[in-house]
Amino acid sequence: MQYIAEYMLATDAAELLDAHKDAHLRYRMNLKSLRLAAQIHSEEGRMIGSLVVIDAADRNEAERTALADPYCTHGIYTSVNVRPCEVRYCDLVAGPNA
């Protein structure tokens, strides 16, 4: 089954982002269950969170996978919401930062 994990950044996370970015990206890129990763931006274009779609056997596995992200373990993401989903169609064009 597929799950969406929506992460929201801590308000004071800016200085922690760079310190843990390599570990965060390494974690996500090594996830065999990762199907989609996207940044969430404010209307002003500032990153305020992240969204991923992952495959997992059940919600508990999806939550464990989501919460193991180094940005979670270091307090950069303060809110994580995991819920079931089913991707029915996807036609993405990678942006310049992909």
N, C-alpha and C. Protein backbone atom coordinates (compact mmCIF):
# COMPACT_ATOMS: atom_id res chain seq x y z
N MET A 1 0.84 -1.17 0.00
CA MET A 1 0.00 0.00 0.00
C MET A 1 0.89 1.24 0.00
N GLN A 2 0.37 2.32 -0.51
CA GLN A 2 1.13 3.56 -0.54
C GLN A 2 0.64 4.50 0.55
N TYR A 3 1.59 5.31 1.05
CA TYR A 3 1.30 6.27 2.11
C TYR A 3 1.94 7.60 1.77
N ILE A 4 1.24 8.68 2.12
CA ILE A 4 1.79 10.02 2.05
C ILE A 4 2.33 10.35 3.43
N ALA A 5 3.53 10.90 3.47
CA ALA A 5 4.07 11.48 4.71
C ALA A 5 4.27 12.95 4.43
N GLU A 6 3.57 13.78 5.19
CA GLU A 6 3.70 15.23 5.05
C GLU A 6 4.44 15.76 6.26
N TYR A 7 5.54 16.43 6.00
CA TYR A 7 6.41 16.96 7.05
C TYR A 7 6.34 18.48 7.05
N MET A 8 6.32 19.08 8.23
CA MET A 8 6.38 20.54 8.33
C MET A 8 7.65 20.91 9.10
N LEU A 9 8.33 21.95 8.62
CA LEU A 9 9.58 22.41 9.23
C LEU A 9 9.33 23.13 10.55
N ALA A 10 10.24 22.96 11.48
CA ALA A 10 10.24 23.76 12.70
C ALA A 10 10.51 25.21 12.31
N THR A 11 9.96 26.14 13.04
CA THR A 11 10.14 27.56 12.70
C THR A 11 11.59 27.99 12.81
N ASP A 12 12.37 27.32 13.66
CA ASP A 12 13.78 27.69 13.84
C ASP A 12 14.72 26.69 13.16
N ALA A 13 14.27 26.03 12.11
CA ALA A 13 15.04 24.95 11.49
C ALA A 13 16.10 25.41 10.51
N ALA A 14 16.09 26.66 10.10
CA ALA A 14 16.98 27.12 9.02
C ALA A 14 18.44 26.78 9.26
N GLU A 15 18.94 27.01 10.46
CA GLU A 15 20.37 26.75 10.69
C GLU A 15 20.68 25.26 10.81
N LEU A 16 19.68 24.43 11.08
CA LEU A 16 19.90 22.99 11.18
C LEU A 16 19.84 22.28 9.83
N LEU A 17 19.17 22.88 8.86
CA LEU A 17 18.99 22.24 7.56
C LEU A 17 20.31 21.84 6.92
N ASP A 18 21.23 22.77 6.81
CA ASP A 18 22.50 22.47 6.15
C ASP A 18 23.33 21.44 6.92
N ALA A 19 23.27 21.49 8.23
CA ALA A 19 24.06 20.57 9.04
C ALA A 19 23.66 19.10 8.84
N HIS A 20 22.40 18.87 8.50
CA HIS A 20 21.90 17.49 8.38
C HIS A 20 21.41 17.15 6.98
N LYS A 21 21.64 18.04 6.04
CA LYS A 21 21.14 17.85 4.68
C LYS A 21 21.69 16.59 4.02
N ASP A 22 23.00 16.35 4.12
CA ASP A 22 23.59 15.17 3.48
C ASP A 22 22.98 13.87 4.02
N ALA A 23 22.82 13.78 5.33
CA ALA A 23 22.23 12.58 5.94
C ALA A 23 20.77 12.41 5.51
N HIS A 24 20.04 13.52 5.46
CA HIS A 24 18.63 13.50 5.04
C HIS A 24 18.51 13.02 3.59
N LEU A 25 19.30 13.59 2.69
CA LEU A 25 19.24 13.20 1.28
C LEU A 25 19.70 11.76 1.08
N ARG A 26 20.73 11.35 1.78
CA ARG A 26 21.21 9.97 1.70
C ARG A 26 20.12 9.00 2.16
N TYR A 27 19.43 9.34 3.26
CA TYR A 27 18.35 8.49 3.77
C TYR A 27 17.26 8.35 2.71
N ARG A 28 16.81 9.46 2.18
CA ARG A 28 15.72 9.41 1.21
C ARG A 28 16.12 8.69 -0.08
N MET A 29 17.31 8.95 -0.58
CA MET A 29 17.72 8.33 -1.84
C MET A 29 17.98 6.83 -1.70
N ASN A 30 18.21 6.37 -0.49
CA ASN A 30 18.43 4.94 -0.27
C ASN A 30 17.15 4.19 0.07
N LEU A 31 16.03 4.89 0.17
CA LEU A 31 14.75 4.23 0.46
C LEU A 31 14.24 3.52 -0.79
N LYS A 32 14.20 2.22 -0.77
CA LYS A 32 13.67 1.45 -1.90
C LYS A 32 12.17 1.69 -2.06
N SER A 33 11.50 2.10 -0.96
CA SER A 33 10.05 2.29 -0.97
C SER A 33 9.62 3.69 -1.42
N LEU A 34 10.58 4.58 -1.65
CA LEU A 34 10.25 5.97 -2.02
C LEU A 34 9.71 6.03 -3.45
N ARG A 35 8.56 6.67 -3.61
CA ARG A 35 7.95 6.83 -4.93
C ARG A 35 7.92 8.27 -5.40
N LEU A 36 7.90 9.21 -4.46
CA LEU A 36 7.83 10.63 -4.80
C LEU A 36 8.35 11.42 -3.62
N ALA A 37 9.09 12.48 -3.91
CA ALA A 37 9.53 13.41 -2.88
C ALA A 37 9.37 14.82 -3.43
N ALA A 38 8.78 15.69 -2.62
CA ALA A 38 8.54 17.06 -3.07
C ALA A 38 8.69 18.01 -1.89
N GLN A 39 9.15 19.22 -2.17
CA GLN A 39 9.19 20.27 -1.16
C GLN A 39 7.84 20.98 -1.14
N ILE A 40 7.43 21.43 0.04
CA ILE A 40 6.24 22.26 0.20
C ILE A 40 6.73 23.68 0.42
N HIS A 41 6.19 24.63 -0.33
CA HIS A 41 6.63 26.02 -0.25
C HIS A 41 5.50 26.93 0.22
N SER A 42 5.87 28.02 0.86
CA SER A 42 4.91 29.07 1.21
C SER A 42 4.55 29.84 -0.06
N GLU A 43 3.57 30.70 0.03
CA GLU A 43 3.20 31.54 -1.11
C GLU A 43 4.37 32.42 -1.54
N GLU A 44 5.28 32.72 -0.61
CA GLU A 44 6.44 33.56 -0.91
C GLU A 44 7.60 32.75 -1.51
N GLY A 45 7.44 31.42 -1.60
CA GLY A 45 8.48 30.58 -2.19
C GLY A 45 9.46 29.99 -1.21
N ARG A 46 9.25 30.20 0.08
CA ARG A 46 10.14 29.65 1.11
C ARG A 46 9.72 28.22 1.43
N MET A 47 10.70 27.30 1.52
CA MET A 47 10.38 25.93 1.86
C MET A 47 9.83 25.86 3.29
N ILE A 48 8.68 25.22 3.46
CA ILE A 48 8.08 25.09 4.79
C ILE A 48 7.84 23.64 5.18
N GLY A 49 8.13 22.73 4.25
CA GLY A 49 7.93 21.32 4.57
C GLY A 49 8.27 20.43 3.39
N SER A 50 7.82 19.19 3.50
CA SER A 50 8.15 18.19 2.50
C SER A 50 7.02 17.17 2.45
N LEU A 51 6.91 16.50 1.32
CA LEU A 51 5.91 15.46 1.14
C LEU A 51 6.57 14.30 0.42
N VAL A 52 6.34 13.10 0.90
CA VAL A 52 6.83 11.91 0.20
C VAL A 52 5.69 10.91 0.05
N VAL A 53 5.79 10.09 -0.96
CA VAL A 53 4.92 8.93 -1.13
C VAL A 53 5.83 7.72 -1.04
N ILE A 54 5.47 6.80 -0.14
CA ILE A 54 6.26 5.58 0.05
C ILE A 54 5.35 4.35 0.01
N ASP A 55 5.94 3.23 -0.34
CA ASP A 55 5.26 1.94 -0.23
C ASP A 55 5.57 1.36 1.13
N ALA A 56 4.56 0.77 1.77
CA ALA A 56 4.77 0.12 3.07
C ALA A 56 3.71 -0.95 3.26
N ALA A 57 4.03 -1.95 4.07
CA ALA A 57 3.09 -3.04 4.33
C ALA A 57 1.87 -2.56 5.10
N ASP A 58 2.09 -1.59 6.01
CA ASP A 58 0.99 -1.06 6.81
C ASP A 58 1.36 0.32 7.33
N ARG A 59 0.43 0.95 8.03
CA ARG A 59 0.65 2.31 8.52
C ARG A 59 1.82 2.37 9.50
N ASN A 60 1.97 1.36 10.36
CA ASN A 60 3.08 1.36 11.32
C ASN A 60 4.43 1.39 10.61
N GLU A 61 4.57 0.59 9.57
CA GLU A 61 5.83 0.59 8.81
C GLU A 61 6.04 1.94 8.13
N ALA A 62 4.97 2.50 7.58
CA ALA A 62 5.08 3.81 6.93
C ALA A 62 5.50 4.89 7.93
N GLU A 63 4.93 4.86 9.13
CA GLU A 63 5.30 5.84 10.16
C GLU A 63 6.74 5.66 10.62
N ARG A 64 7.17 4.42 10.81
CA ARG A 64 8.57 4.17 11.19
C ARG A 64 9.52 4.70 10.13
N THR A 65 9.20 4.44 8.86
CA THR A 65 10.03 4.91 7.76
C THR A 65 10.07 6.44 7.73
N ALA A 66 8.91 7.06 7.87
CA ALA A 66 8.84 8.53 7.83
C ALA A 66 9.62 9.15 8.99
N LEU A 67 9.46 8.61 10.18
CA LEU A 67 10.08 9.19 11.37
C LEU A 67 11.57 8.91 11.49
N ALA A 68 12.09 7.96 10.70
CA ALA A 68 13.53 7.66 10.72
C ALA A 68 14.35 8.65 9.91
N ASP A 69 13.70 9.54 9.19
CA ASP A 69 14.40 10.57 8.42
C ASP A 69 15.25 11.41 9.39
N PRO A 70 16.51 11.64 9.08
CA PRO A 70 17.36 12.45 9.96
C PRO A 70 16.80 13.83 10.27
N TYR A 71 16.04 14.42 9.38
CA TYR A 71 15.42 15.72 9.69
C TYR A 71 14.41 15.57 10.83
N CYS A 72 13.79 14.40 10.98
CA CYS A 72 12.89 14.16 12.12
C CYS A 72 13.69 13.93 13.39
N THR A 73 14.70 13.09 13.31
CA THR A 73 15.46 12.73 14.51
C THR A 73 16.23 13.92 15.08
N HIS A 74 16.48 14.95 14.26
CA HIS A 74 17.19 16.14 14.73
C HIS A 74 16.28 17.34 14.98
N GLY A 75 14.95 17.10 14.94
CA GLY A 75 14.01 18.15 15.28
C GLY A 75 13.77 19.19 14.21
N ILE A 76 14.19 18.92 12.99
CA ILE A 76 13.99 19.87 11.90
C ILE A 76 12.54 19.81 11.41
N TYR A 77 12.03 18.59 11.27
CA TYR A 77 10.60 18.42 10.99
C TYR A 77 9.90 18.24 12.33
N THR A 78 8.96 19.09 12.64
CA THR A 78 8.27 19.01 13.93
C THR A 78 6.91 18.34 13.83
N SER A 79 6.37 18.27 12.65
CA SER A 79 5.06 17.68 12.46
C SER A 79 5.15 16.69 11.31
N VAL A 80 4.70 15.47 11.53
CA VAL A 80 4.69 14.45 10.48
C VAL A 80 3.30 13.82 10.47
N ASN A 81 2.65 13.88 9.33
CA ASN A 81 1.32 13.31 9.18
C ASN A 81 1.40 12.21 8.13
N VAL A 82 1.11 10.98 8.50
CA VAL A 82 1.17 9.84 7.59
C VAL A 82 -0.25 9.32 7.38
N ARG A 83 -0.62 9.14 6.12
CA ARG A 83 -1.94 8.61 5.82
C ARG A 83 -1.89 7.81 4.51
N PRO A 84 -2.80 6.85 4.36
CA PRO A 84 -2.81 6.02 3.15
C PRO A 84 -3.17 6.84 1.92
N CYS A 85 -2.65 6.41 0.79
CA CYS A 85 -3.00 7.05 -0.48
C CYS A 85 -2.88 6.02 -1.58
N GLU A 86 -3.29 6.40 -2.75
CA GLU A 86 -3.12 5.56 -3.92
C GLU A 86 -2.82 6.49 -5.09
N VAL A 87 -1.59 6.45 -5.56
CA VAL A 87 -1.22 7.26 -6.71
C VAL A 87 -1.84 6.62 -7.94
N ARG A 88 -2.68 7.40 -8.62
CA ARG A 88 -3.40 6.88 -9.78
C ARG A 88 -2.80 7.38 -11.08
N TYR A 89 -2.16 8.53 -11.02
CA TYR A 89 -1.57 9.11 -12.21
C TYR A 89 -0.43 10.01 -11.78
N CYS A 90 0.65 10.00 -12.53
CA CYS A 90 1.77 10.87 -12.21
C CYS A 90 2.49 11.23 -13.52
N ASP A 91 2.59 12.51 -13.76
CA ASP A 91 3.31 13.00 -14.95
C ASP A 91 4.13 14.20 -14.51
N LEU A 92 5.26 13.94 -13.90
CA LEU A 92 6.07 15.00 -13.32
C LEU A 92 7.21 15.40 -14.24
N VAL A 93 7.53 16.66 -14.20
CA VAL A 93 8.71 17.19 -14.86
C VAL A 93 9.64 17.65 -13.76
N ALA A 94 10.85 17.12 -13.73
CA ALA A 94 11.80 17.47 -12.69
C ALA A 94 12.25 18.91 -12.87
N GLY A 95 12.31 19.62 -11.74
CA GLY A 95 12.75 21.01 -11.76
C GLY A 95 14.26 21.13 -11.72
N PRO A 96 14.77 22.34 -11.67
CA PRO A 96 16.22 22.57 -11.72
C PRO A 96 16.95 22.04 -10.48
N ASN A 97 16.24 21.85 -9.38
CA ASN A 97 16.89 21.37 -8.15
C ASN A 97 16.70 19.88 -7.94
N ALA A 98 16.16 19.16 -8.90
CA ALA A 98 15.89 17.72 -8.74
C ALA A 98 17.16 16.92 -8.72
